[in-house]
Amino acid sequence: MAKASGKQRCPHCGEELDTYRNPVPTVDLVIEVKDGIVLVERKNDPKGWALPGGFVDYGESLEAAAIREAKEETGLKVELIRQFHTYSDPHRDPRQHNLSTVFIARARGKPKGGDDAKRAEVFTEGDLPTLVFDHRWILEDYFAYMRRMRPLVERRAK
């Protein structure tokens, strides 16, 4: 574990405390709607298009954080379909080291940007904008996964 720089002391006894810098948990969502997937344009740095998502609050489950972030940033009430993957590259976010658990979700309705999302729009695999963070890789993994799953679903339907 990497220790944090700087010394912290107990405010009561003055003893030096060990402190650690740990990665921050986050969630991202691939929200499937009728005509594609939902992306948000971020108001804050790094500005640009991204998957809806954000930081997990203390005491909050990953699932609850995903549902909350989807509602805040897109106005959509989502149904979580599955936990897709966790992305942990220490350099995936230029602000700090975080770990993102990505969910696949479904929703109905028209997304509308809210909270720290300037706007929310629906895109298809063929018309994706430039994305911030590692979200291009996440979506490449998602679309590859969906292509692998489609034949299985079609076989079961017969």
C-alpha atoms as a PDB file:
ATOM      1  CA  MET A   1       0.000   0.000   0.000  1.00  0.00           C
ATOM      2  CA  ALA A   2       1.218   3.492  -0.763  1.00  0.00           C
ATOM      3  CA  LYS A   3       1.330   5.712   2.273  1.00  0.00           C
ATOM      4  CA  ALA A   4       0.050   9.247   1.899  1.00  0.00           C
ATOM      5  CA  SER A   5       2.557  12.042   2.029  1.00  0.00           C
ATOM      6  CA  GLY A   6       2.488  14.324   5.057  1.00  0.00           C
ATOM      7  CA  LYS A   7       2.166  13.413   8.711  1.00  0.00           C
ATOM      8  CA  GLN A   8      -1.186  13.325  10.439  1.00  0.00           C
ATOM      9  CA  ARG A   9      -1.548  13.266  14.185  1.00  0.00           C
ATOM     10  CA  CYS A  10      -4.353  12.218  16.481  1.00  0.00           C
ATOM     11  CA  PRO A  11      -6.080  15.413  17.669  1.00  0.00           C
ATOM     12  CA  HIS A  12      -6.483  13.928  21.168  1.00  0.00           C
ATOM     13  CA  CYS A  13      -3.117  12.329  21.992  1.00  0.00           C
ATOM     14  CA  GLY A  14      -0.796  13.706  19.302  1.00  0.00           C
ATOM     15  CA  GLU A  15       0.352  10.243  18.191  1.00  0.00           C
ATOM     16  CA  GLU A  16       1.404  10.000  14.541  1.00  0.00           C
ATOM     17  CA  LEU A  17      -1.188   8.175  12.443  1.00  0.00           C
ATOM     18  CA  ASP A  18      -0.630   5.902   9.484  1.00  0.00           C
ATOM     19  CA  THR A  19      -2.602   7.108   6.482  1.00  0.00           C
ATOM     20  CA  TYR A  20      -3.012   5.380   3.147  1.00  0.00           C
ATOM     21  CA  ARG A  21      -3.987   6.485  -0.329  1.00  0.00           C
ATOM     22  CA  ASN A  22      -6.465   3.991  -1.673  1.00  0.00           C
ATOM     23  CA  PRO A  23      -8.236   3.970  -5.027  1.00  0.00           C
ATOM     24  CA  VAL A  24     -11.686   5.547  -5.014  1.00  0.00           C
ATOM     25  CA  PRO A  25     -14.689   3.363  -5.965  1.00  0.00           C
ATOM     26  CA  THR A  26     -16.805   4.579  -8.885  1.00  0.00           C
ATOM     27  CA  VAL A  27     -19.551   3.190 -11.104  1.00  0.00           C
ATOM     28  CA  ASP A  28     -20.307   3.648 -14.793  1.00  0.00           C
ATOM     29  CA  LEU A  29     -23.336   2.483 -16.750  1.00  0.00           C
ATOM     30  CA  VAL A  30     -23.999   1.347 -20.272  1.00  0.00           C
ATOM     31  CA  ILE A  31     -27.691   2.292 -20.428  1.00  0.00           C
ATOM     32  CA  GLU A  32     -29.512   0.537 -23.251  1.00  0.00           C
ATOM     33  CA  VAL A  33     -32.536   2.344 -24.688  1.00  0.00           C
ATOM     34  CA  LYS A  34     -34.642   1.670 -27.779  1.00  0.00           C
ATOM     35  CA  ASP A  35     -32.332   3.378 -30.293  1.00  0.00           C
ATOM     36  CA  GLY A  36     -28.881   2.812 -28.756  1.00  0.00           C
ATOM     37  CA  ILE A  37     -26.995   3.655 -25.577  1.00  0.00           C
ATOM     38  CA  VAL A  38     -27.005   6.808 -23.452  1.00  0.00           C
ATOM     39  CA  LEU A  39     -23.939   9.034 -23.125  1.00  0.00           C
ATOM     40  CA  VAL A  40     -23.606  12.288 -21.196  1.00  0.00           C
ATOM     41  CA  GLU A  41     -21.645  15.408 -22.007  1.00  0.00           C
ATOM     42  CA  ARG A  42     -19.760  16.400 -18.859  1.00  0.00           C
ATOM     43  CA  LYS A  43     -19.949  19.939 -17.419  1.00  0.00           C
ATOM     44  CA  ASN A  44     -16.780  19.454 -15.379  1.00  0.00           C
ATOM     45  CA  ASP A  45     -13.183  18.591 -16.243  1.00  0.00           C
ATOM     46  CA  PRO A  46     -12.330  16.510 -18.005  1.00  0.00           C
ATOM     47  CA  LYS A  47     -15.016  17.852 -20.308  1.00  0.00           C
ATOM     48  CA  GLY A  48     -16.382  15.673 -23.090  1.00  0.00           C
ATOM     49  CA  TRP A  49     -18.688  12.729 -23.661  1.00  0.00           C
ATOM     50  CA  ALA A  50     -18.763   9.858 -21.175  1.00  0.00           C
ATOM     51  CA  LEU A  51     -20.812   7.003 -19.850  1.00  0.00           C
ATOM     52  CA  PRO A  52     -23.142   8.083 -17.046  1.00  0.00           C
ATOM     53  CA  GLY A  53     -21.578   7.380 -13.679  1.00  0.00           C
ATOM     54  CA  GLY A  54     -19.727   8.753 -10.707  1.00  0.00           C
ATOM     55  CA  PHE A  55     -18.428   8.235  -7.219  1.00  0.00           C
ATOM     56  CA  VAL A  56     -19.870   5.750  -4.738  1.00  0.00           C
ATOM     57  CA  ASP A  57     -21.011   7.520  -1.568  1.00  0.00           C
ATOM     58  CA  TYR A  58     -19.878   6.230   1.828  1.00  0.00           C
ATOM     59  CA  GLY A  59     -22.329   3.547   3.005  1.00  0.00           C
ATOM     60  CA  GLU A  60     -23.804   3.104  -0.489  1.00  0.00           C
ATOM     61  CA  SER A  61     -23.757  -0.148  -2.456  1.00  0.00           C
ATOM     62  CA  LEU A  62     -22.403  -0.224  -6.003  1.00  0.00           C
ATOM     63  CA  GLU A  63     -25.896  -1.005  -7.281  1.00  0.00           C
ATOM     64  CA  ALA A  64     -27.492   1.896  -5.407  1.00  0.00           C
ATOM     65  CA  ALA A  65     -24.765   4.242  -6.661  1.00  0.00           C
ATOM     66  CA  ALA A  66     -25.360   3.144 -10.261  1.00  0.00           C
ATOM     67  CA  ILE A  67     -29.120   3.711 -10.011  1.00  0.00           C
ATOM     68  CA  ARG A  68     -28.595   7.108  -8.325  1.00  0.00           C
ATOM     69  CA  GLU A  69     -26.002   8.308 -10.843  1.00  0.00           C
ATOM     70  CA  ALA A  70     -28.186   7.250 -13.785  1.00  0.00           C
ATOM     71  CA  LYS A  71     -31.137   9.218 -12.385  1.00  0.00           C
ATOM     72  CA  GLU A  72     -29.027  12.295 -11.551  1.00  0.00           C
ATOM     73  CA  GLU A  73     -27.217  12.488 -14.887  1.00  0.00           C
ATOM     74  CA  THR A  74     -29.862  11.258 -17.350  1.00  0.00           C
ATOM     75  CA  GLY A  75     -33.213  11.563 -15.576  1.00  0.00           C
ATOM     76  CA  LEU A  76     -33.834   7.892 -16.387  1.00  0.00           C
ATOM     77  CA  LYS A  77     -34.995   5.229 -13.971  1.00  0.00           C
ATOM     78  CA  VAL A  78     -32.850   2.229 -14.879  1.00  0.00           C
ATOM     79  CA  GLU A  79     -33.135  -1.494 -14.406  1.00  0.00           C
ATOM     80  CA  LEU A  80     -29.707  -2.992 -13.739  1.00  0.00           C
ATOM     81  CA  ILE A  81     -29.264  -6.042 -15.975  1.00  0.00           C
ATOM     82  CA  ARG A  82     -25.840  -7.215 -14.887  1.00  0.00           C
ATOM     83  CA  GLN A  83     -22.515  -6.172 -13.460  1.00  0.00           C
ATOM     84  CA  PHE A  84     -20.367  -6.107 -16.578  1.00  0.00           C
ATOM     85  CA  HIS A  85     -16.716  -5.600 -15.599  1.00  0.00           C
ATOM     86  CA  THR A  86     -14.401  -3.663 -13.287  1.00  0.00           C
ATOM     87  CA  TYR A  87     -11.794  -1.346 -14.815  1.00  0.00           C
ATOM     88  CA  SER A  88      -8.777  -0.632 -12.646  1.00  0.00           C
ATOM     89  CA  ASP A  89      -5.999   0.968 -14.707  1.00  0.00           C
ATOM     90  CA  PRO A  90      -4.425   3.480 -12.270  1.00  0.00           C
ATOM     91  CA  HIS A  91      -4.302   6.033 -15.104  1.00  0.00           C
ATOM     92  CA  ARG A  92      -7.902   5.634 -16.344  1.00  0.00           C
ATOM     93  CA  ASP A  93      -8.914   8.951 -14.757  1.00  0.00           C
ATOM     94  CA  PRO A  94      -6.529  11.931 -14.876  1.00  0.00           C
ATOM     95  CA  ARG A  95      -7.889  13.301 -11.579  1.00  0.00           C
ATOM     96  CA  GLN A  96      -7.068  10.350  -9.327  1.00  0.00           C
ATOM     97  CA  HIS A  97      -6.731   6.588  -9.123  1.00  0.00           C
ATOM     98  CA  ASN A  98     -10.168   5.015  -9.118  1.00  0.00           C
ATOM     99  CA  LEU A  99     -11.753   1.641  -9.746  1.00  0.00           C
ATOM    100  CA  SER A 100     -14.901   1.609 -11.848  1.00  0.00           C
ATOM    101  CA  THR A 101     -17.469  -1.149 -11.739  1.00  0.00           C
ATOM    102  CA  VAL A 102     -19.517  -0.989 -14.932  1.00  0.00           C
ATOM    103  CA  PHE A 103     -23.147  -2.069 -15.096  1.00  0.00           C
ATOM    104  CA  ILE A 104     -25.332  -2.831 -18.088  1.00  0.00           C
ATOM    105  CA  ALA A 105     -28.768  -1.296 -17.548  1.00  0.00           C
ATOM    106  CA  ARG A 106     -31.993  -0.733 -19.463  1.00  0.00           C
ATOM    107  CA  ALA A 107     -34.312   2.241 -19.445  1.00  0.00           C
ATOM    108  CA  ARG A 108     -37.248   3.738 -21.288  1.00  0.00           C
ATOM    109  CA  GLY A 109     -37.819   7.330 -22.192  1.00  0.00           C
ATOM    110  CA  LYS A 110     -35.751  10.222 -23.420  1.00  0.00           C
ATOM    111  CA  PRO A 111     -32.596  11.025 -21.440  1.00  0.00           C
ATOM    112  CA  LYS A 112     -32.108  14.572 -20.183  1.00  0.00           C
ATOM    113  CA  GLY A 113     -28.823  15.877 -18.787  1.00  0.00           C
ATOM    114  CA  GLY A 114     -28.791  16.772 -15.105  1.00  0.00           C
ATOM    115  CA  ASP A 115     -26.415  17.239 -12.154  1.00  0.00           C
ATOM    116  CA  ASP A 116     -22.894  17.401 -13.648  1.00  0.00           C
ATOM    117  CA  ALA A 117     -24.089  16.312 -17.113  1.00  0.00           C
ATOM    118  CA  LYS A 118     -24.631  19.202 -19.521  1.00  0.00           C
ATOM    119  CA  ARG A 119     -26.759  16.962 -21.738  1.00  0.00           C
ATOM    120  CA  ALA A 120     -27.576  13.321 -22.355  1.00  0.00           C
ATOM    121  CA  GLU A 121     -28.088  11.787 -25.783  1.00  0.00           C
ATOM    122  CA  VAL A 122     -28.528   8.402 -27.432  1.00  0.00           C
ATOM    123  CA  PHE A 123     -25.787   7.006 -29.686  1.00  0.00           C
ATOM    124  CA  THR A 124     -25.255   3.838 -31.690  1.00  0.00           C
ATOM    125  CA  GLU A 125     -21.991   1.940 -32.033  1.00  0.00           C
ATOM    126  CA  GLY A 126     -21.431   3.581 -35.418  1.00  0.00           C
ATOM    127  CA  ASP A 127     -21.866   7.194 -34.302  1.00  0.00           C
ATOM    128  CA  LEU A 128     -19.991   7.397 -30.999  1.00  0.00           C
ATOM    129  CA  PRO A 129     -18.360  10.746 -30.208  1.00  0.00           C
ATOM    130  CA  THR A 130     -14.857  11.098 -28.773  1.00  0.00           C
ATOM    131  CA  LEU A 131     -15.014   9.869 -25.173  1.00  0.00           C
ATOM    132  CA  VAL A 132     -13.123  10.868 -22.021  1.00  0.00           C
ATOM    133  CA  PHE A 133     -11.466   8.510 -19.525  1.00  0.00           C
ATOM    134  CA  ASP A 134     -11.274   4.896 -20.742  1.00  0.00           C
ATOM    135  CA  HIS A 135     -14.887   4.856 -21.853  1.00  0.00           C
ATOM    136  CA  ARG A 136     -14.026   4.056 -25.486  1.00  0.00           C
ATOM    137  CA  TRP A 137     -12.385   0.806 -24.268  1.00  0.00           C
ATOM    138  CA  ILE A 138     -15.347   0.037 -22.039  1.00  0.00           C
ATOM    139  CA  LEU A 139     -17.715   0.417 -24.982  1.00  0.00           C
ATOM    140  CA  GLU A 140     -15.474  -1.668 -27.248  1.00  0.00           C
ATOM    141  CA  ASP A 141     -15.670  -4.435 -24.629  1.00  0.00           C
ATOM    142  CA  TYR A 142     -19.440  -3.979 -24.307  1.00  0.00           C
ATOM    143  CA  PHE A 143     -20.141  -4.148 -28.058  1.00  0.00           C
ATOM    144  CA  ALA A 144     -17.845  -7.191 -28.439  1.00  0.00           C
ATOM    145  CA  TYR A 145     -19.685  -8.866 -25.548  1.00  0.00           C
ATOM    146  CA  MET A 146     -23.059  -8.107 -27.141  1.00  0.00           C
ATOM    147  CA  ARG A 147     -21.938  -9.571 -30.477  1.00  0.00           C
ATOM    148  CA  ARG A 148     -20.873 -12.785 -28.680  1.00  0.00           C
ATOM    149  CA  MET A 149     -24.139 -12.969 -26.713  1.00  0.00           C
ATOM    150  CA  ARG A 150     -26.525 -12.326 -29.622  1.00  0.00           C
ATOM    151  CA  PRO A 151     -26.061 -15.796 -31.234  1.00  0.00           C
ATOM    152  CA  LEU A 152     -26.674 -17.487 -27.859  1.00  0.00           C
ATOM    153  CA  VAL A 153     -29.909 -15.579 -27.328  1.00  0.00           C
ATOM    154  CA  GLU A 154     -31.070 -16.321 -30.883  1.00  0.00           C
ATOM    155  CA  ARG A 155     -30.330 -20.064 -30.468  1.00  0.00           C
ATOM    156  CA  ARG A 156     -32.301 -20.219 -27.218  1.00  0.00           C
ATOM    157  CA  ALA A 157     -35.270 -18.463 -28.838  1.00  0.00           C
ATOM    158  CA  LYS A 158     -35.626 -21.209 -31.487  1.00  0.00           C
END
